[in-house]
Amino acid sequence: MHPHVRSLLTEIEGEPEAGSAFPKPLTDDTVRAADVVITMGCGDVCPIIPGVRYEDWAVGDPALASPEGVAAIRDDIETRVRALLTTLTD
């Protein structure tokens, strides 16, 4: 995980695991257990399971961004997650 991302995650209240977080692979079992699979413009190839909703969110690359840019990326993702959650709880 990019160091700027890790430091910003630790700022999020209720995120005690930020220091040990790492990207997880999209395995068949992971996708099969999901209602929604989100990729973030990384070109990941993930298993296609019927009945699972897939979305690709084009977000900036934190490795190419300033600390302020990384914060903007984090805020963009937070906005998208909150919008997604409203569709899942309706």
N, C-alpha and C. Protein backbone atom coordinates (compact mmCIF):
# COMPACT_ATOMS: atom_id res chain seq x y z
N MET A 1 0.85 -1.17 0.00
CA MET A 1 0.00 0.00 0.00
C MET A 1 0.89 1.23 0.00
N HIS A 2 0.52 2.22 -0.80
CA HIS A 2 1.29 3.46 -0.90
C HIS A 2 1.33 4.16 0.46
N PRO A 3 2.51 4.66 0.86
CA PRO A 3 2.63 5.28 2.19
C PRO A 3 1.65 6.43 2.43
N HIS A 4 1.39 7.27 1.41
CA HIS A 4 0.44 8.37 1.60
C HIS A 4 -0.96 7.83 1.85
N VAL A 5 -1.30 6.73 1.21
CA VAL A 5 -2.62 6.13 1.41
C VAL A 5 -2.73 5.59 2.83
N ARG A 6 -1.71 4.89 3.27
CA ARG A 6 -1.73 4.33 4.63
C ARG A 6 -1.89 5.44 5.67
N SER A 7 -1.16 6.54 5.51
CA SER A 7 -1.26 7.61 6.52
C SER A 7 -2.65 8.24 6.50
N LEU A 8 -3.27 8.37 5.33
CA LEU A 8 -4.61 8.93 5.27
C LEU A 8 -5.65 7.97 5.83
N LEU A 9 -5.44 6.69 5.65
CA LEU A 9 -6.39 5.72 6.22
C LEU A 9 -6.38 5.77 7.74
N THR A 10 -5.22 6.01 8.32
CA THR A 10 -5.16 6.07 9.78
C THR A 10 -5.91 7.27 10.31
N GLU A 11 -6.16 8.29 9.46
CA GLU A 11 -6.93 9.45 9.88
C GLU A 11 -8.43 9.17 9.93
N ILE A 12 -8.87 8.12 9.27
CA ILE A 12 -10.29 7.80 9.24
C ILE A 12 -10.68 7.16 10.55
N GLU A 13 -11.64 7.75 11.22
CA GLU A 13 -12.09 7.23 12.51
C GLU A 13 -12.62 5.81 12.34
N GLY A 14 -12.23 4.96 13.23
CA GLY A 14 -12.70 3.59 13.18
C GLY A 14 -11.92 2.70 12.21
N GLU A 15 -10.74 3.10 11.83
CA GLU A 15 -9.93 2.31 10.90
C GLU A 15 -8.64 1.85 11.59
N PRO A 16 -8.77 1.01 12.63
CA PRO A 16 -7.58 0.60 13.38
C PRO A 16 -6.67 -0.33 12.60
N GLU A 17 -7.16 -0.95 11.54
CA GLU A 17 -6.38 -1.92 10.78
C GLU A 17 -5.56 -1.27 9.66
N ALA A 18 -5.59 0.03 9.51
CA ALA A 18 -4.96 0.70 8.37
C ALA A 18 -3.47 0.37 8.27
N GLY A 19 -2.80 0.26 9.38
CA GLY A 19 -1.37 -0.02 9.35
C GLY A 19 -1.02 -1.38 8.79
N SER A 20 -1.94 -2.32 8.88
CA SER A 20 -1.66 -3.67 8.39
C SER A 20 -2.47 -4.03 7.14
N ALA A 21 -3.21 -3.07 6.59
CA ALA A 21 -4.05 -3.34 5.41
C ALA A 21 -3.19 -3.56 4.17
N PHE A 22 -3.70 -4.38 3.27
CA PHE A 22 -3.01 -4.61 2.00
C PHE A 22 -4.05 -5.03 0.96
N PRO A 23 -3.76 -4.79 -0.33
CA PRO A 23 -4.73 -5.18 -1.37
C PRO A 23 -4.95 -6.68 -1.36
N LYS A 24 -6.18 -7.08 -1.58
CA LYS A 24 -6.54 -8.50 -1.60
C LYS A 24 -6.83 -8.94 -3.03
N PRO A 25 -6.45 -10.15 -3.39
CA PRO A 25 -6.74 -10.65 -4.74
C PRO A 25 -8.22 -10.97 -4.91
N LEU A 26 -8.71 -10.84 -6.13
CA LEU A 26 -10.09 -11.20 -6.43
C LEU A 26 -10.13 -12.67 -6.83
N THR A 27 -10.31 -13.53 -5.84
CA THR A 27 -10.38 -14.96 -6.10
C THR A 27 -11.81 -15.36 -6.42
N ASP A 28 -12.00 -16.54 -6.97
CA ASP A 28 -13.35 -17.04 -7.24
C ASP A 28 -14.20 -17.01 -5.98
N ASP A 29 -13.65 -17.47 -4.86
CA ASP A 29 -14.42 -17.52 -3.61
C ASP A 29 -14.80 -16.12 -3.12
N THR A 30 -13.87 -15.17 -3.22
CA THR A 30 -14.16 -13.80 -2.80
C THR A 30 -15.27 -13.20 -3.63
N VAL A 31 -15.19 -13.36 -4.95
CA VAL A 31 -16.20 -12.80 -5.85
C VAL A 31 -17.54 -13.50 -5.64
N ARG A 32 -17.53 -14.80 -5.48
CA ARG A 32 -18.76 -15.57 -5.28
C ARG A 32 -19.51 -15.10 -4.02
N ALA A 33 -18.77 -14.67 -3.01
CA ALA A 33 -19.38 -14.24 -1.74
C ALA A 33 -19.85 -12.78 -1.79
N ALA A 34 -19.52 -12.06 -2.85
CA ALA A 34 -19.82 -10.63 -2.93
C ALA A 34 -21.14 -10.35 -3.64
N ASP A 35 -21.78 -9.28 -3.23
CA ASP A 35 -22.94 -8.75 -3.96
C ASP A 35 -22.47 -7.79 -5.05
N VAL A 36 -21.40 -7.04 -4.73
CA VAL A 36 -20.84 -6.06 -5.66
C VAL A 36 -19.32 -6.19 -5.63
N VAL A 37 -18.71 -6.18 -6.81
CA VAL A 37 -17.26 -6.19 -6.94
C VAL A 37 -16.85 -4.85 -7.54
N ILE A 38 -15.99 -4.13 -6.83
CA ILE A 38 -15.50 -2.83 -7.30
C ILE A 38 -14.02 -2.97 -7.62
N THR A 39 -13.66 -2.60 -8.83
CA THR A 39 -12.25 -2.45 -9.18
C THR A 39 -12.01 -0.96 -9.37
N MET A 40 -10.78 -0.55 -9.29
CA MET A 40 -10.49 0.89 -9.34
C MET A 40 -9.51 1.22 -10.44
N GLY A 41 -9.94 0.97 -11.67
CA GLY A 41 -9.16 1.36 -12.82
C GLY A 41 -7.81 0.69 -12.93
N CYS A 42 -7.65 -0.42 -12.25
CA CYS A 42 -6.33 -1.05 -12.24
C CYS A 42 -6.19 -2.13 -13.30
N GLY A 43 -7.25 -2.38 -14.04
CA GLY A 43 -7.15 -3.38 -15.09
C GLY A 43 -7.17 -4.81 -14.57
N ASP A 44 -7.58 -4.99 -13.32
CA ASP A 44 -7.65 -6.34 -12.76
C ASP A 44 -8.60 -7.21 -13.59
N VAL A 45 -8.20 -8.42 -13.77
CA VAL A 45 -9.09 -9.40 -14.37
C VAL A 45 -9.68 -10.18 -13.20
N CYS A 46 -11.00 -10.16 -13.10
CA CYS A 46 -11.61 -10.87 -11.99
C CYS A 46 -12.58 -11.91 -12.52
N PRO A 47 -12.81 -12.92 -11.72
CA PRO A 47 -13.75 -13.96 -12.14
C PRO A 47 -15.14 -13.36 -12.36
N ILE A 48 -15.81 -13.79 -13.41
CA ILE A 48 -17.16 -13.32 -13.71
C ILE A 48 -18.14 -14.38 -13.19
N ILE A 49 -18.91 -14.00 -12.19
CA ILE A 49 -19.88 -14.89 -11.57
C ILE A 49 -21.27 -14.32 -11.87
N PRO A 50 -22.16 -15.09 -12.47
CA PRO A 50 -23.52 -14.59 -12.73
C PRO A 50 -24.19 -14.14 -11.43
N GLY A 51 -24.89 -13.01 -11.51
CA GLY A 51 -25.61 -12.49 -10.35
C GLY A 51 -24.81 -11.52 -9.51
N VAL A 52 -23.53 -11.35 -9.80
CA VAL A 52 -22.70 -10.41 -9.05
C VAL A 52 -22.60 -9.12 -9.86
N ARG A 53 -22.81 -8.01 -9.19
CA ARG A 53 -22.73 -6.69 -9.83
C ARG A 53 -21.27 -6.25 -9.86
N TYR A 54 -20.82 -5.77 -11.02
CA TYR A 54 -19.44 -5.31 -11.20
C TYR A 54 -19.42 -3.84 -11.55
N GLU A 55 -18.50 -3.10 -10.95
CA GLU A 55 -18.29 -1.69 -11.28
C GLU A 55 -16.79 -1.44 -11.29
N ASP A 56 -16.35 -0.63 -12.25
CA ASP A 56 -14.96 -0.19 -12.29
C ASP A 56 -14.96 1.31 -12.04
N TRP A 57 -14.33 1.73 -10.96
CA TRP A 57 -14.25 3.14 -10.62
C TRP A 57 -12.91 3.67 -11.09
N ALA A 58 -12.94 4.60 -12.03
CA ALA A 58 -11.70 5.24 -12.50
C ALA A 58 -11.29 6.28 -11.45
N VAL A 59 -10.24 5.98 -10.74
CA VAL A 59 -9.74 6.90 -9.72
C VAL A 59 -8.27 7.18 -10.01
N GLY A 60 -7.78 8.27 -9.46
CA GLY A 60 -6.38 8.63 -9.66
C GLY A 60 -5.44 7.63 -9.02
N ASP A 61 -4.21 7.65 -9.48
CA ASP A 61 -3.17 6.77 -8.96
C ASP A 61 -2.43 7.50 -7.85
N PRO A 62 -2.52 7.03 -6.61
CA PRO A 62 -1.86 7.73 -5.50
C PRO A 62 -0.34 7.78 -5.66
N ALA A 63 0.23 6.84 -6.38
CA ALA A 63 1.69 6.85 -6.58
C ALA A 63 2.13 8.05 -7.41
N LEU A 64 1.20 8.64 -8.17
CA LEU A 64 1.52 9.78 -9.02
C LEU A 64 1.02 11.10 -8.43
N ALA A 65 0.42 11.04 -7.25
CA ALA A 65 -0.23 12.22 -6.68
C ALA A 65 0.56 12.78 -5.50
N SER A 66 0.36 14.07 -5.28
CA SER A 66 0.88 14.73 -4.09
C SER A 66 0.07 14.26 -2.89
N PRO A 67 0.52 14.57 -1.68
CA PRO A 67 -0.30 14.21 -0.52
C PRO A 67 -1.71 14.80 -0.60
N GLU A 68 -1.84 16.01 -1.11
CA GLU A 68 -3.16 16.61 -1.27
C GLU A 68 -3.98 15.85 -2.32
N GLY A 69 -3.31 15.42 -3.39
CA GLY A 69 -3.98 14.64 -4.42
C GLY A 69 -4.46 13.30 -3.89
N VAL A 70 -3.65 12.68 -3.04
CA VAL A 70 -4.05 11.41 -2.43
C VAL A 70 -5.27 11.63 -1.55
N ALA A 71 -5.30 12.73 -0.81
CA ALA A 71 -6.47 13.03 0.02
C ALA A 71 -7.71 13.22 -0.85
N ALA A 72 -7.55 13.85 -2.00
CA ALA A 72 -8.69 14.04 -2.92
C ALA A 72 -9.18 12.69 -3.45
N ILE A 73 -8.25 11.79 -3.74
CA ILE A 73 -8.61 10.44 -4.21
C ILE A 73 -9.38 9.72 -3.11
N ARG A 74 -8.88 9.80 -1.89
CA ARG A 74 -9.56 9.17 -0.75
C ARG A 74 -10.98 9.71 -0.59
N ASP A 75 -11.11 11.03 -0.70
CA ASP A 75 -12.43 11.65 -0.55
C ASP A 75 -13.37 11.22 -1.67
N ASP A 76 -12.85 11.09 -2.89
CA ASP A 76 -13.65 10.63 -4.03
C ASP A 76 -14.15 9.20 -3.78
N ILE A 77 -13.26 8.35 -3.31
CA ILE A 77 -13.65 6.96 -3.03
C ILE A 77 -14.68 6.92 -1.90
N GLU A 78 -14.49 7.74 -0.87
CA GLU A 78 -15.46 7.77 0.23
C GLU A 78 -16.84 8.17 -0.28
N THR A 79 -16.90 9.16 -1.14
CA THR A 79 -18.18 9.60 -1.72
C THR A 79 -18.83 8.46 -2.51
N ARG A 80 -18.03 7.76 -3.31
CA ARG A 80 -18.55 6.64 -4.10
C ARG A 80 -19.04 5.50 -3.20
N VAL A 81 -18.29 5.21 -2.14
CA VAL A 81 -18.70 4.14 -1.22
C VAL A 81 -20.01 4.50 -0.54
N ARG A 82 -20.14 5.74 -0.09
CA ARG A 82 -21.38 6.16 0.57
C ARG A 82 -22.57 6.05 -0.39
N ALA A 83 -22.37 6.44 -1.65
CA ALA A 83 -23.44 6.33 -2.65
C ALA A 83 -23.78 4.85 -2.90
N LEU A 84 -22.76 4.00 -2.98
CA LEU A 84 -22.98 2.58 -3.17
C LEU A 84 -23.77 2.00 -2.00
N LEU A 85 -23.40 2.38 -0.79
CA LEU A 85 -24.10 1.86 0.38
C LEU A 85 -25.58 2.20 0.36
N THR A 86 -25.95 3.36 -0.14
CA THR A 86 -27.37 3.71 -0.19
C THR A 86 -28.10 2.81 -1.17
N THR A 87 -27.44 2.34 -2.22
CA THR A 87 -28.11 1.44 -3.16
C THR A 87 -28.25 0.04 -2.59
N LEU A 88 -27.39 -0.31 -1.65
CA LEU A 88 -27.43 -1.65 -1.05
C LEU A 88 -28.41 -1.74 0.09
N THR A 89 -28.75 -0.61 0.70
CA THR A 89 -29.64 -0.63 1.85
C THR A 89 -31.05 -0.20 1.53
N ASP A 90 -31.32 0.13 0.28
CA ASP A 90 -32.69 0.53 -0.12
C ASP A 90 -33.61 -0.67 -0.18
